[in-house]
Amino acid sequence: MNSEPYPTLIFVRHAQSEGNVLTVAERAEMQIGTTAYRLTSLGRRQATCTHDWLQKNFPNPDRVIRSYYQRTAETAKLCYPEEEVREDARLAEANRGVYTILGPNGVKEKMPWETVRRERDGLYHYCPPGGENWPMIESRIRDFRRSIRSRYPGKTVVVFGHGFWILLWQKLTHHWTIEETERRYLADEIVENASVLIYRNEWNSVINRHILQHDPSTDYIVPWKNILPHVST
């Protein structure tokens, strides 16, 4: 049994990016990959508000980590301009394969069997050609959680990532069912852009082990709320 404590983990979803203001069809027409989406002007303002909150509450983290996407790189740089920021490929957002290029309507037209397979398998299990299903992403999350615990026990780590990845982190950490996670996904109950989600280490005397405890004061923090316009992402 691993007796090491977890680090304090601060998850920050990237600020609003180009992809957040486009429809599925418009994103399919983009001439760049989803990893290259940049922040919008509003996204940069969101990240500035989040910078101010982080500098007040977590000014000197032991480690700052981000995915390799452009939008997390820009968000991390705006939030911690003086800190070394490391990349971790396990933080990548879900790879949706052919759906990224064709979109649901294009897949239905050109690959109708995939639409049928998706309906039969369900959101959680379906793996699009060239992409990942949800269990594959969960495997990355579990590996990330193990390594972050062994490398930074008791430290403070800030992680810049993506909304859907964070949703599956919540599923695993809060022991949500597949059905509950699918419901939240379909209802767009995903943390907002440039928001902050905090987990702290806690000793559980009932099971005699360290656990990650979600900060009980709030679901997640949106530092730019009531400062900047609210937008649907």
C-alpha atoms as a PDB file:
ATOM      1  CA  MET A   1       0.000   0.000   0.000  1.00  0.00           C
ATOM      2  CA  ASN A   2       1.272   3.476  -0.901  1.00  0.00           C
ATOM      3  CA  SER A   3       1.767   5.375   2.360  1.00  0.00           C
ATOM      4  CA  GLU A   4       2.874   8.605   0.707  1.00  0.00           C
ATOM      5  CA  PRO A   5       0.494  11.583   0.951  1.00  0.00           C
ATOM      6  CA  TYR A   6      -0.914  13.107  -2.182  1.00  0.00           C
ATOM      7  CA  PRO A   7       0.107  16.601  -3.210  1.00  0.00           C
ATOM      8  CA  THR A   8      -2.333  19.472  -3.036  1.00  0.00           C
ATOM      9  CA  LEU A   9      -3.627  19.537  -6.603  1.00  0.00           C
ATOM     10  CA  ILE A  10      -4.984  22.672  -8.251  1.00  0.00           C
ATOM     11  CA  PHE A  11      -6.578  21.979 -11.623  1.00  0.00           C
ATOM     12  CA  VAL A  12      -7.040  24.937 -13.959  1.00  0.00           C
ATOM     13  CA  ARG A  13      -9.024  24.517 -17.149  1.00  0.00           C
ATOM     14  CA  HIS A  14      -7.596  26.497 -20.052  1.00  0.00           C
ATOM     15  CA  ALA A  15      -9.169  29.881 -20.754  1.00  0.00           C
ATOM     16  CA  GLN A  16     -11.583  30.379 -23.646  1.00  0.00           C
ATOM     17  CA  SER A  17      -9.994  29.273 -26.923  1.00  0.00           C
ATOM     18  CA  GLU A  18     -10.907  29.536 -30.588  1.00  0.00           C
ATOM     19  CA  GLY A  19     -12.555  26.132 -30.436  1.00  0.00           C
ATOM     20  CA  ASN A  20     -14.893  27.218 -27.637  1.00  0.00           C
ATOM     21  CA  VAL A  21     -16.560  29.880 -29.793  1.00  0.00           C
ATOM     22  CA  LEU A  22     -17.077  27.687 -32.874  1.00  0.00           C
ATOM     23  CA  THR A  23     -19.793  25.183 -33.658  1.00  0.00           C
ATOM     24  CA  VAL A  24     -18.911  21.529 -34.243  1.00  0.00           C
ATOM     25  CA  ALA A  25     -19.268  22.109 -37.998  1.00  0.00           C
ATOM     26  CA  GLU A  26     -17.048  25.192 -37.888  1.00  0.00           C
ATOM     27  CA  ARG A  27     -14.354  23.344 -35.951  1.00  0.00           C
ATOM     28  CA  ALA A  28     -14.413  20.582 -38.569  1.00  0.00           C
ATOM     29  CA  GLU A  29     -13.593  23.226 -41.194  1.00  0.00           C
ATOM     30  CA  MET A  30     -10.607  24.621 -39.300  1.00  0.00           C
ATOM     31  CA  GLN A  31      -7.330  24.245 -41.176  1.00  0.00           C
ATOM     32  CA  ILE A  32      -5.386  23.584 -37.974  1.00  0.00           C
ATOM     33  CA  GLY A  33      -5.518  20.719 -35.493  1.00  0.00           C
ATOM     34  CA  THR A  34      -7.367  21.053 -32.209  1.00  0.00           C
ATOM     35  CA  THR A  35      -4.049  21.086 -30.356  1.00  0.00           C
ATOM     36  CA  ALA A  36      -3.200  24.416 -32.024  1.00  0.00           C
ATOM     37  CA  TYR A  37      -6.272  26.429 -30.973  1.00  0.00           C
ATOM     38  CA  ARG A  38      -5.188  29.714 -29.405  1.00  0.00           C
ATOM     39  CA  LEU A  39      -6.896  31.746 -26.716  1.00  0.00           C
ATOM     40  CA  THR A  40      -9.428  34.377 -27.705  1.00  0.00           C
ATOM     41  CA  SER A  41      -9.095  37.951 -26.470  1.00  0.00           C
ATOM     42  CA  LEU A  42     -11.713  37.162 -23.816  1.00  0.00           C
ATOM     43  CA  GLY A  43      -9.773  34.021 -22.906  1.00  0.00           C
ATOM     44  CA  ARG A  44      -6.645  36.068 -22.268  1.00  0.00           C
ATOM     45  CA  ARG A  45      -8.645  38.356 -19.980  1.00  0.00           C
ATOM     46  CA  GLN A  46     -10.051  35.316 -18.172  1.00  0.00           C
ATOM     47  CA  ALA A  47      -6.555  33.959 -17.660  1.00  0.00           C
ATOM     48  CA  THR A  48      -5.437  37.324 -16.259  1.00  0.00           C
ATOM     49  CA  CYS A  49      -8.198  37.171 -13.635  1.00  0.00           C
ATOM     50  CA  THR A  50      -7.207  33.598 -12.802  1.00  0.00           C
ATOM     51  CA  HIS A  51      -3.573  34.727 -12.541  1.00  0.00           C
ATOM     52  CA  ASP A  52      -4.552  37.264  -9.888  1.00  0.00           C
ATOM     53  CA  TRP A  53      -6.467  34.638  -7.898  1.00  0.00           C
ATOM     54  CA  LEU A  54      -3.660  32.066  -8.125  1.00  0.00           C
ATOM     55  CA  GLN A  55      -0.999  34.587  -7.131  1.00  0.00           C
ATOM     56  CA  LYS A  56      -3.020  35.394  -4.036  1.00  0.00           C
ATOM     57  CA  ASN A  57      -3.829  31.801  -3.058  1.00  0.00           C
ATOM     58  CA  PHE A  58      -1.047  29.629  -4.554  1.00  0.00           C
ATOM     59  CA  PRO A  59       1.789  32.042  -5.415  1.00  0.00           C
ATOM     60  CA  ASN A  60       4.696  29.598  -5.193  1.00  0.00           C
ATOM     61  CA  PRO A  61       3.677  26.085  -6.260  1.00  0.00           C
ATOM     62  CA  ASP A  62       6.275  23.355  -6.177  1.00  0.00           C
ATOM     63  CA  ARG A  63       5.451  22.351  -9.737  1.00  0.00           C
ATOM     64  CA  VAL A  64       3.360  23.659 -12.639  1.00  0.00           C
ATOM     65  CA  ILE A  65       2.329  21.129 -15.294  1.00  0.00           C
ATOM     66  CA  ARG A  66       0.272  21.477 -18.472  1.00  0.00           C
ATOM     67  CA  SER A  67      -0.840  19.500 -21.478  1.00  0.00           C
ATOM     68  CA  TYR A  68       1.024  20.067 -24.738  1.00  0.00           C
ATOM     69  CA  TYR A  69      -1.873  21.989 -26.324  1.00  0.00           C
ATOM     70  CA  GLN A  70      -1.400  25.615 -27.326  1.00  0.00           C
ATOM     71  CA  ARG A  71      -4.351  26.827 -25.258  1.00  0.00           C
ATOM     72  CA  THR A  72      -2.994  25.352 -22.033  1.00  0.00           C
ATOM     73  CA  ALA A  73       0.469  26.694 -22.816  1.00  0.00           C
ATOM     74  CA  GLU A  74      -0.906  30.223 -23.187  1.00  0.00           C
ATOM     75  CA  THR A  75      -3.084  29.933 -20.076  1.00  0.00           C
ATOM     76  CA  ALA A  76      -0.226  28.616 -17.933  1.00  0.00           C
ATOM     77  CA  LYS A  77       2.111  31.347 -19.178  1.00  0.00           C
ATOM     78  CA  LEU A  78      -0.396  34.073 -18.328  1.00  0.00           C
ATOM     79  CA  CYS A  79      -1.089  32.593 -14.889  1.00  0.00           C
ATOM     80  CA  TYR A  80       2.514  31.813 -13.889  1.00  0.00           C
ATOM     81  CA  PRO A  81       4.794  33.939 -16.114  1.00  0.00           C
ATOM     82  CA  GLU A  82       7.836  33.439 -13.881  1.00  0.00           C
ATOM     83  CA  GLU A  83       7.476  29.697 -13.208  1.00  0.00           C
ATOM     84  CA  GLU A  84       8.957  26.770 -15.106  1.00  0.00           C
ATOM     85  CA  VAL A  85       6.045  24.922 -16.727  1.00  0.00           C
ATOM     86  CA  ARG A  86       6.441  21.266 -17.684  1.00  0.00           C
ATOM     87  CA  GLU A  87       4.438  19.354 -20.294  1.00  0.00           C
ATOM     88  CA  ASP A  88       2.759  16.024 -19.649  1.00  0.00           C
ATOM     89  CA  ALA A  89       1.205  14.158 -22.574  1.00  0.00           C
ATOM     90  CA  ARG A  90      -1.164  12.304 -20.249  1.00  0.00           C
ATOM     91  CA  LEU A  91      -3.058  15.566 -19.761  1.00  0.00           C
ATOM     92  CA  ALA A  92      -4.117  15.704 -23.425  1.00  0.00           C
ATOM     93  CA  GLU A  93      -7.797  16.244 -24.154  1.00  0.00           C
ATOM     94  CA  ALA A  94      -9.827  13.394 -25.618  1.00  0.00           C
ATOM     95  CA  ASN A  95      -8.874  12.473 -29.176  1.00  0.00           C
ATOM     96  CA  ARG A  96     -12.153  12.271 -31.072  1.00  0.00           C
ATOM     97  CA  GLY A  97     -10.624  10.844 -34.244  1.00  0.00           C
ATOM     98  CA  VAL A  98     -12.681  11.191 -37.421  1.00  0.00           C
ATOM     99  CA  TYR A  99     -15.295  13.260 -35.598  1.00  0.00           C
ATOM    100  CA  THR A 100     -12.751  16.090 -35.378  1.00  0.00           C
ATOM    101  CA  ILE A 101     -12.606  16.346 -39.175  1.00  0.00           C
ATOM    102  CA  LEU A 102     -16.057  15.254 -40.253  1.00  0.00           C
ATOM    103  CA  GLY A 103     -18.274  16.156 -37.329  1.00  0.00           C
ATOM    104  CA  PRO A 104     -21.340  14.042 -36.445  1.00  0.00           C
ATOM    105  CA  ASN A 105     -23.180  14.909 -39.669  1.00  0.00           C
ATOM    106  CA  GLY A 106     -20.178  14.127 -41.831  1.00  0.00           C
ATOM    107  CA  VAL A 107     -19.637  10.796 -40.115  1.00  0.00           C
ATOM    108  CA  LYS A 108     -23.315   9.958 -40.553  1.00  0.00           C
ATOM    109  CA  GLU A 109     -23.076  10.735 -44.267  1.00  0.00           C
ATOM    110  CA  LYS A 110     -19.710   9.172 -45.099  1.00  0.00           C
ATOM    111  CA  MET A 111     -19.395   6.484 -42.410  1.00  0.00           C
ATOM    112  CA  PRO A 112     -22.954   5.595 -41.381  1.00  0.00           C
ATOM    113  CA  TRP A 113     -21.831   2.347 -39.761  1.00  0.00           C
ATOM    114  CA  GLU A 114     -19.862   4.398 -37.213  1.00  0.00           C
ATOM    115  CA  THR A 115     -23.019   6.262 -36.227  1.00  0.00           C
ATOM    116  CA  VAL A 116     -24.717   2.907 -35.657  1.00  0.00           C
ATOM    117  CA  ARG A 117     -21.743   1.581 -33.697  1.00  0.00           C
ATOM    118  CA  ARG A 118     -21.675   4.701 -31.536  1.00  0.00           C
ATOM    119  CA  GLU A 119     -25.360   4.339 -30.730  1.00  0.00           C
ATOM    120  CA  ARG A 120     -24.922   0.671 -29.859  1.00  0.00           C
ATOM    121  CA  ASP A 121     -21.767   1.059 -27.783  1.00  0.00           C
ATOM    122  CA  GLY A 122     -22.836   4.224 -25.979  1.00  0.00           C
ATOM    123  CA  LEU A 123     -20.817   7.352 -25.207  1.00  0.00           C
ATOM    124  CA  TYR A 124     -18.564   5.768 -22.611  1.00  0.00           C
ATOM    125  CA  HIS A 125     -17.454   2.700 -24.573  1.00  0.00           C
ATOM    126  CA  TYR A 126     -17.473   3.943 -28.181  1.00  0.00           C
ATOM    127  CA  CYS A 127     -14.013   4.437 -29.692  1.00  0.00           C
ATOM    128  CA  PRO A 128     -14.049   6.534 -32.903  1.00  0.00           C
ATOM    129  CA  PRO A 129     -11.606   5.581 -35.663  1.00  0.00           C
ATOM    130  CA  GLY A 130      -8.315   7.298 -34.957  1.00  0.00           C
ATOM    131  CA  GLY A 131      -9.469   8.373 -31.505  1.00  0.00           C
ATOM    132  CA  GLU A 132     -10.022   7.277 -27.912  1.00  0.00           C
ATOM    133  CA  ASN A 133     -12.914   6.061 -25.838  1.00  0.00           C
ATOM    134  CA  TRP A 134     -13.485   7.217 -22.286  1.00  0.00           C
ATOM    135  CA  PRO A 135     -11.764   4.251 -20.563  1.00  0.00           C
ATOM    136  CA  MET A 136      -8.582   5.022 -22.523  1.00  0.00           C
ATOM    137  CA  ILE A 137      -8.538   8.551 -21.121  1.00  0.00           C
ATOM    138  CA  GLU A 138      -9.248   7.223 -17.643  1.00  0.00           C
ATOM    139  CA  SER A 139      -6.180   5.003 -17.982  1.00  0.00           C
ATOM    140  CA  ARG A 140      -4.063   8.101 -18.639  1.00  0.00           C
ATOM    141  CA  ILE A 141      -5.630   9.830 -15.646  1.00  0.00           C
ATOM    142  CA  ARG A 142      -4.910   6.908 -13.304  1.00  0.00           C
ATOM    143  CA  ASP A 143      -1.289   6.797 -14.452  1.00  0.00           C
ATOM    144  CA  PHE A 144      -0.945  10.554 -13.970  1.00  0.00           C
ATOM    145  CA  ARG A 145      -2.423  10.336 -10.464  1.00  0.00           C
ATOM    146  CA  ARG A 146      -0.026   7.555  -9.448  1.00  0.00           C
ATOM    147  CA  SER A 147       3.039   9.363 -10.740  1.00  0.00           C
ATOM    148  CA  ILE A 148       2.116  12.760  -9.323  1.00  0.00           C
ATOM    149  CA  ARG A 149       1.684  11.163  -5.902  1.00  0.00           C
ATOM    150  CA  SER A 150       5.033   9.400  -5.973  1.00  0.00           C
ATOM    151  CA  ARG A 151       6.943  12.412  -7.324  1.00  0.00           C
ATOM    152  CA  TYR A 152       5.383  15.251  -5.308  1.00  0.00           C
ATOM    153  CA  PRO A 153       4.045  13.852  -1.998  1.00  0.00           C
ATOM    154  CA  GLY A 154       2.853  16.666   0.247  1.00  0.00           C
ATOM    155  CA  LYS A 155       3.803  19.308  -2.326  1.00  0.00           C
ATOM    156  CA  THR A 156       1.631  21.832  -4.180  1.00  0.00           C
ATOM    157  CA  VAL A 157       1.095  21.136  -7.875  1.00  0.00           C
ATOM    158  CA  VAL A 158      -0.870  23.257 -10.340  1.00  0.00           C
ATOM    159  CA  VAL A 159      -2.181  21.427 -13.406  1.00  0.00           C
ATOM    160  CA  PHE A 160      -3.422  23.194 -16.535  1.00  0.00           C
ATOM    161  CA  GLY A 161      -5.716  20.956 -18.529  1.00  0.00           C
ATOM    162  CA  HIS A 162      -8.991  20.452 -20.362  1.00  0.00           C
ATOM    163  CA  GLY A 163     -12.646  20.299 -19.475  1.00  0.00           C
ATOM    164  CA  PHE A 164     -13.475  16.759 -20.524  1.00  0.00           C
ATOM    165  CA  TRP A 165     -10.283  15.361 -18.991  1.00  0.00           C
ATOM    166  CA  ILE A 166     -11.217  17.058 -15.725  1.00  0.00           C
ATOM    167  CA  LEU A 167     -14.731  15.580 -15.954  1.00  0.00           C
ATOM    168  CA  LEU A 168     -13.240  12.079 -16.067  1.00  0.00           C
ATOM    169  CA  TRP A 169     -10.840  12.962 -13.235  1.00  0.00           C
ATOM    170  CA  GLN A 170     -13.926  13.877 -11.206  1.00  0.00           C
ATOM    171  CA  LYS A 171     -15.599  10.597 -12.183  1.00  0.00           C
ATOM    172  CA  LEU A 172     -12.688   8.565 -10.847  1.00  0.00           C
ATOM    173  CA  THR A 173     -12.035  10.670  -7.766  1.00  0.00           C
ATOM    174  CA  HIS A 174     -15.684  11.036  -6.707  1.00  0.00           C
ATOM    175  CA  HIS A 175     -16.627   7.499  -7.812  1.00  0.00           C
ATOM    176  CA  TRP A 176     -19.342   8.645 -10.190  1.00  0.00           C
ATOM    177  CA  THR A 177     -21.077   5.970 -12.214  1.00  0.00           C
ATOM    178  CA  ILE A 178     -20.842   5.813 -15.992  1.00  0.00           C
ATOM    179  CA  GLU A 179     -24.477   6.913 -16.190  1.00  0.00           C
ATOM    180  CA  GLU A 180     -23.906   9.930 -13.952  1.00  0.00           C
ATOM    181  CA  THR A 181     -20.821  10.982 -15.914  1.00  0.00           C
ATOM    182  CA  GLU A 182     -22.648  10.647 -19.238  1.00  0.00           C
ATOM    183  CA  ARG A 183     -25.506  12.716 -17.841  1.00  0.00           C
ATOM    184  CA  ARG A 184     -23.140  15.485 -16.769  1.00  0.00           C
ATOM    185  CA  TYR A 185     -21.417  15.417 -20.157  1.00  0.00           C
ATOM    186  CA  LEU A 186     -24.679  15.679 -22.089  1.00  0.00           C
ATOM    187  CA  ALA A 187     -25.878  18.465 -19.780  1.00  0.00           C
ATOM    188  CA  ASP A 188     -22.579  20.314 -20.349  1.00  0.00           C
ATOM    189  CA  GLU A 189     -21.867  20.214 -16.620  1.00  0.00           C
ATOM    190  CA  ILE A 190     -18.156  20.732 -17.178  1.00  0.00           C
ATOM    191  CA  VAL A 191     -15.964  23.187 -15.295  1.00  0.00           C
ATOM    192  CA  GLU A 192     -15.831  26.575 -16.972  1.00  0.00           C
ATOM    193  CA  ASN A 193     -12.878  28.029 -18.827  1.00  0.00           C
ATOM    194  CA  ALA A 194     -10.109  29.422 -16.607  1.00  0.00           C
ATOM    195  CA  SER A 195     -11.752  27.911 -13.526  1.00  0.00           C
ATOM    196  CA  VAL A 196      -9.989  26.330 -10.547  1.00  0.00           C
ATOM    197  CA  LEU A 197     -10.679  22.954  -8.911  1.00  0.00           C
ATOM    198  CA  ILE A 198      -8.823  22.068  -5.702  1.00  0.00           C
ATOM    199  CA  TYR A 199      -8.025  18.711  -4.073  1.00  0.00           C
ATOM    200  CA  ARG A 200      -6.132  18.338  -0.814  1.00  0.00           C
ATOM    201  CA  ASN A 201      -4.544  15.345   0.853  1.00  0.00           C
ATOM    202  CA  GLU A 202      -6.360  13.941   3.874  1.00  0.00           C
ATOM    203  CA  TRP A 203      -5.685  11.023   6.189  1.00  0.00           C
ATOM    204  CA  ASN A 204      -8.710   8.729   6.409  1.00  0.00           C
ATOM    205  CA  SER A 205      -8.555   6.946   9.765  1.00  0.00           C
ATOM    206  CA  VAL A 206     -11.338   4.534   8.809  1.00  0.00           C
ATOM    207  CA  ILE A 207      -9.430   2.941   5.960  1.00  0.00           C
ATOM    208  CA  ASN A 208      -5.985   3.971   7.266  1.00  0.00           C
ATOM    209  CA  ARG A 209      -4.739   5.621   4.125  1.00  0.00           C
ATOM    210  CA  HIS A 210      -4.254   8.984   2.459  1.00  0.00           C
ATOM    211  CA  ILE A 211      -7.034  10.140   0.159  1.00  0.00           C
ATOM    212  CA  LEU A 212      -7.656  13.129  -2.067  1.00  0.00           C
ATOM    213  CA  GLN A 213     -10.385  15.330  -0.645  1.00  0.00           C
ATOM    214  CA  HIS A 214     -12.170  17.839  -2.824  1.00  0.00           C
ATOM    215  CA  ASP A 215     -12.087  21.340  -1.355  1.00  0.00           C
ATOM    216  CA  PRO A 216     -15.495  21.430   0.344  1.00  0.00           C
ATOM    217  CA  SER A 217     -16.065  25.176   0.154  1.00  0.00           C
ATOM    218  CA  THR A 218     -17.197  25.184  -3.459  1.00  0.00           C
ATOM    219  CA  ASP A 219     -17.581  22.961  -6.486  1.00  0.00           C
ATOM    220  CA  TYR A 220     -15.052  24.983  -8.426  1.00  0.00           C
ATOM    221  CA  ILE A 221     -13.898  28.583  -8.504  1.00  0.00           C
ATOM    222  CA  VAL A 222     -14.339  30.961 -11.448  1.00  0.00           C
ATOM    223  CA  PRO A 223     -12.042  33.915 -10.692  1.00  0.00           C
ATOM    224  CA  TRP A 224     -13.403  36.021 -13.559  1.00  0.00           C
ATOM    225  CA  LYS A 225     -17.055  35.570 -12.509  1.00  0.00           C
ATOM    226  CA  ASN A 226     -18.815  38.924 -11.993  1.00  0.00           C
ATOM    227  CA  ILE A 227     -15.833  40.629 -13.657  1.00  0.00           C
ATOM    228  CA  LEU A 228     -16.059  39.501 -17.262  1.00  0.00           C
ATOM    229  CA  PRO A 229     -19.049  38.503 -19.423  1.00  0.00           C
ATOM    230  CA  HIS A 230     -20.334  34.967 -18.848  1.00  0.00           C
ATOM    231  CA  VAL A 231     -20.074  32.842 -21.971  1.00  0.00           C
ATOM    232  CA  SER A 232     -21.238  29.333 -22.757  1.00  0.00           C
ATOM    233  CA  THR A 233     -18.340  26.992 -23.640  1.00  0.00           C
END
